[in-house]
Amino acid sequence: MAHVTYRIVEHDGGWAYTSGGTYSETFATHDDAKAAAVRVAREQRVPDETAAIEYETADGKWVTESADGHDRPSTDVEG
């Protein structure tokens, strides 16, 4: 099972949460950023429907796969 950690950090004159090198929007306070990260972490764990996904690989080939909507990551928030 995959694991996703959201970290609360100072960003762009305020606070944001980050994961995998991507930042959220900027929040005025640490508490606002943490509340948003907690909400997003909860949403990541919610099962969804299994669906077909299609994407292009770096070498230009198209791949179709089934994404299991019940294979959700564990999550946590730090900071």
N, C-alpha and C. Protein backbone atom coordinates (compact mmCIF):
# COMPACT_ATOMS: atom_id res chain seq x y z
N MET A 1 0.84 -1.17 0.00
CA MET A 1 0.00 0.00 0.00
C MET A 1 0.89 1.24 0.00
N ALA A 2 0.52 2.21 -0.78
CA ALA A 2 1.27 3.47 -0.85
C ALA A 2 1.02 4.30 0.40
N HIS A 3 1.95 5.19 0.69
CA HIS A 3 1.81 6.09 1.82
C HIS A 3 2.09 7.52 1.36
N VAL A 4 1.24 8.46 1.74
CA VAL A 4 1.40 9.87 1.37
C VAL A 4 1.51 10.69 2.66
N THR A 5 2.55 11.51 2.76
CA THR A 5 2.72 12.41 3.89
C THR A 5 2.59 13.84 3.39
N TYR A 6 1.75 14.60 4.06
CA TYR A 6 1.60 16.03 3.78
C TYR A 6 2.36 16.77 4.88
N ARG A 7 3.25 17.69 4.47
CA ARG A 7 4.04 18.46 5.43
C ARG A 7 3.62 19.93 5.38
N ILE A 8 3.47 20.53 6.55
CA ILE A 8 3.13 21.95 6.64
C ILE A 8 4.44 22.74 6.62
N VAL A 9 4.55 23.70 5.69
CA VAL A 9 5.78 24.47 5.53
C VAL A 9 5.45 25.95 5.28
N GLU A 10 6.42 26.81 5.60
CA GLU A 10 6.29 28.21 5.22
C GLU A 10 6.46 28.30 3.71
N HIS A 11 5.60 29.10 3.07
CA HIS A 11 5.65 29.16 1.61
C HIS A 11 5.01 30.46 1.12
N ASP A 12 5.74 31.18 0.28
CA ASP A 12 5.21 32.35 -0.43
C ASP A 12 4.54 33.37 0.50
N GLY A 13 5.20 33.65 1.63
CA GLY A 13 4.68 34.64 2.56
C GLY A 13 3.60 34.14 3.50
N GLY A 14 3.36 32.85 3.52
CA GLY A 14 2.34 32.27 4.39
C GLY A 14 2.68 30.84 4.70
N TRP A 15 1.69 29.98 4.67
CA TRP A 15 1.86 28.56 4.98
C TRP A 15 1.17 27.72 3.91
N ALA A 16 1.73 26.54 3.67
CA ALA A 16 1.16 25.62 2.68
C ALA A 16 1.42 24.19 3.16
N TYR A 17 0.77 23.24 2.50
CA TYR A 17 1.15 21.84 2.71
C TYR A 17 1.80 21.37 1.42
N THR A 18 2.71 20.43 1.56
CA THR A 18 3.45 19.93 0.41
C THR A 18 3.52 18.41 0.47
N SER A 19 3.57 17.81 -0.70
CA SER A 19 3.76 16.37 -0.82
C SER A 19 4.33 16.08 -2.19
N GLY A 20 5.38 15.30 -2.23
CA GLY A 20 5.97 14.92 -3.51
C GLY A 20 6.48 16.10 -4.32
N GLY A 21 6.92 17.17 -3.65
CA GLY A 21 7.47 18.32 -4.35
C GLY A 21 6.43 19.31 -4.86
N THR A 22 5.16 19.06 -4.56
CA THR A 22 4.09 19.94 -5.01
C THR A 22 3.52 20.68 -3.80
N TYR A 23 3.28 21.99 -3.98
CA TYR A 23 2.75 22.81 -2.91
C TYR A 23 1.27 23.11 -3.13
N SER A 24 0.56 23.24 -2.02
CA SER A 24 -0.84 23.67 -2.08
C SER A 24 -0.87 25.18 -2.29
N GLU A 25 -2.07 25.73 -2.33
CA GLU A 25 -2.19 27.18 -2.30
C GLU A 25 -1.63 27.68 -0.97
N THR A 26 -1.37 28.96 -0.88
CA THR A 26 -0.83 29.55 0.34
C THR A 26 -1.98 29.94 1.28
N PHE A 27 -1.80 29.63 2.56
CA PHE A 27 -2.77 29.96 3.59
C PHE A 27 -2.17 31.01 4.52
N ALA A 28 -3.01 31.82 5.12
CA ALA A 28 -2.54 32.90 5.99
C ALA A 28 -1.90 32.39 7.27
N THR A 29 -2.40 31.28 7.80
CA THR A 29 -1.88 30.78 9.07
C THR A 29 -1.49 29.30 8.96
N HIS A 30 -0.64 28.90 9.89
CA HIS A 30 -0.24 27.50 10.00
C HIS A 30 -1.47 26.63 10.24
N ASP A 31 -2.35 27.08 11.14
CA ASP A 31 -3.55 26.29 11.46
C ASP A 31 -4.45 26.09 10.24
N ASP A 32 -4.58 27.12 9.41
CA ASP A 32 -5.39 26.99 8.19
C ASP A 32 -4.78 25.97 7.23
N ALA A 33 -3.46 26.02 7.07
CA ALA A 33 -2.79 25.07 6.18
C ALA A 33 -2.91 23.65 6.71
N LYS A 34 -2.78 23.50 8.03
CA LYS A 34 -2.88 22.16 8.62
C LYS A 34 -4.29 21.61 8.49
N ALA A 35 -5.31 22.45 8.71
CA ALA A 35 -6.69 21.99 8.55
C ALA A 35 -6.95 21.54 7.12
N ALA A 36 -6.42 22.27 6.15
CA ALA A 36 -6.60 21.88 4.75
C ALA A 36 -5.88 20.57 4.45
N ALA A 37 -4.67 20.40 4.99
CA ALA A 37 -3.92 19.17 4.77
C ALA A 37 -4.63 17.97 5.38
N VAL A 38 -5.18 18.14 6.57
CA VAL A 38 -5.92 17.05 7.22
C VAL A 38 -7.13 16.67 6.37
N ARG A 39 -7.83 17.65 5.84
CA ARG A 39 -8.99 17.38 4.98
C ARG A 39 -8.58 16.61 3.72
N VAL A 40 -7.49 17.04 3.09
CA VAL A 40 -7.01 16.37 1.88
C VAL A 40 -6.54 14.95 2.20
N ALA A 41 -5.86 14.77 3.32
CA ALA A 41 -5.39 13.44 3.72
C ALA A 41 -6.56 12.49 3.92
N ARG A 42 -7.64 12.98 4.53
CA ARG A 42 -8.84 12.14 4.71
C ARG A 42 -9.45 11.77 3.36
N GLU A 43 -9.53 12.75 2.46
CA GLU A 43 -10.12 12.50 1.14
C GLU A 43 -9.33 11.47 0.36
N GLN A 44 -8.01 11.44 0.52
CA GLN A 44 -7.17 10.47 -0.18
C GLN A 44 -7.50 9.03 0.20
N ARG A 45 -8.00 8.83 1.41
CA ARG A 45 -8.29 7.47 1.90
C ARG A 45 -9.68 6.97 1.52
N VAL A 46 -10.52 7.82 0.94
CA VAL A 46 -11.89 7.44 0.61
C VAL A 46 -11.91 6.58 -0.66
N PRO A 47 -12.50 5.40 -0.59
CA PRO A 47 -12.59 4.56 -1.79
C PRO A 47 -13.46 5.20 -2.86
N ASP A 48 -13.19 4.85 -4.09
CA ASP A 48 -13.96 5.35 -5.23
C ASP A 48 -14.26 4.17 -6.14
N GLU A 49 -14.83 4.45 -7.28
CA GLU A 49 -15.14 3.39 -8.24
C GLU A 49 -13.89 2.96 -8.99
N THR A 50 -13.83 1.69 -9.33
CA THR A 50 -12.77 1.20 -10.19
C THR A 50 -13.04 1.75 -11.59
N ALA A 51 -11.97 2.23 -12.25
CA ALA A 51 -12.15 2.87 -13.55
C ALA A 51 -10.99 2.54 -14.47
N ALA A 52 -11.24 2.61 -15.76
CA ALA A 52 -10.18 2.45 -16.75
C ALA A 52 -9.47 3.79 -16.91
N ILE A 53 -8.14 3.75 -16.91
CA ILE A 53 -7.35 4.96 -17.15
C ILE A 53 -6.47 4.73 -18.36
N GLU A 54 -6.18 5.79 -19.06
CA GLU A 54 -5.33 5.70 -20.25
C GLU A 54 -4.30 6.81 -20.19
N TYR A 55 -3.04 6.47 -20.50
CA TYR A 55 -1.98 7.47 -20.46
C TYR A 55 -0.91 7.12 -21.49
N GLU A 56 -0.12 8.16 -21.83
CA GLU A 56 0.96 7.99 -22.79
C GLU A 56 2.28 7.89 -22.04
N THR A 57 3.11 6.91 -22.39
CA THR A 57 4.41 6.74 -21.75
C THR A 57 5.41 7.72 -22.37
N ALA A 58 6.58 7.82 -21.74
CA ALA A 58 7.62 8.73 -22.22
C ALA A 58 8.07 8.40 -23.64
N ASP A 59 7.95 7.13 -24.04
CA ASP A 59 8.35 6.75 -25.39
C ASP A 59 7.20 6.78 -26.39
N GLY A 60 6.07 7.39 -26.02
CA GLY A 60 4.98 7.62 -26.96
C GLY A 60 3.96 6.50 -27.09
N LYS A 61 4.04 5.49 -26.25
CA LYS A 61 3.08 4.38 -26.31
C LYS A 61 1.89 4.68 -25.39
N TRP A 62 0.70 4.31 -25.83
CA TRP A 62 -0.50 4.50 -25.03
C TRP A 62 -0.79 3.23 -24.25
N VAL A 63 -1.12 3.38 -22.98
CA VAL A 63 -1.38 2.26 -22.09
C VAL A 63 -2.76 2.44 -21.47
N THR A 64 -3.53 1.34 -21.43
CA THR A 64 -4.82 1.35 -20.75
C THR A 64 -4.74 0.39 -19.59
N GLU A 65 -5.13 0.87 -18.41
CA GLU A 65 -5.09 0.04 -17.21
C GLU A 65 -6.38 0.22 -16.42
N SER A 66 -6.59 -0.69 -15.51
CA SER A 66 -7.71 -0.57 -14.58
C SER A 66 -7.17 -0.03 -13.27
N ALA A 67 -7.76 1.07 -12.79
CA ALA A 67 -7.37 1.66 -11.51
C ALA A 67 -8.37 1.22 -10.45
N ASP A 68 -7.91 0.44 -9.50
CA ASP A 68 -8.77 -0.06 -8.43
C ASP A 68 -9.12 1.08 -7.48
N GLY A 69 -10.36 1.46 -7.45
CA GLY A 69 -10.81 2.56 -6.61
C GLY A 69 -10.76 2.26 -5.13
N HIS A 70 -10.49 1.01 -4.76
CA HIS A 70 -10.41 0.65 -3.35
C HIS A 70 -8.97 0.54 -2.87
N ASP A 71 -8.01 0.71 -3.76
CA ASP A 71 -6.59 0.66 -3.43
C ASP A 71 -6.13 2.07 -3.07
N ARG A 72 -6.42 2.51 -1.87
CA ARG A 72 -6.16 3.88 -1.43
C ARG A 72 -4.92 3.93 -0.54
N PRO A 73 -4.18 5.02 -0.58
CA PRO A 73 -2.97 5.12 0.24
C PRO A 73 -3.29 5.39 1.71
N SER A 74 -2.35 5.06 2.57
CA SER A 74 -2.44 5.55 3.95
C SER A 74 -1.85 6.97 3.92
N THR A 75 -2.29 7.82 4.82
CA THR A 75 -1.85 9.22 4.80
C THR A 75 -1.55 9.71 6.21
N ASP A 76 -0.73 10.76 6.29
CA ASP A 76 -0.53 11.46 7.54
C ASP A 76 -0.13 12.91 7.26
N VAL A 77 -0.20 13.72 8.30
CA VAL A 77 0.15 15.15 8.21
C VAL A 77 1.21 15.43 9.25
N GLU A 78 2.30 16.08 8.83
CA GLU A 78 3.38 16.46 9.73
C GLU A 78 3.51 17.97 9.77
N GLY A 79 3.77 18.48 10.95
CA GLY A 79 3.99 19.92 11.10
C GLY A 79 2.86 20.55 11.74
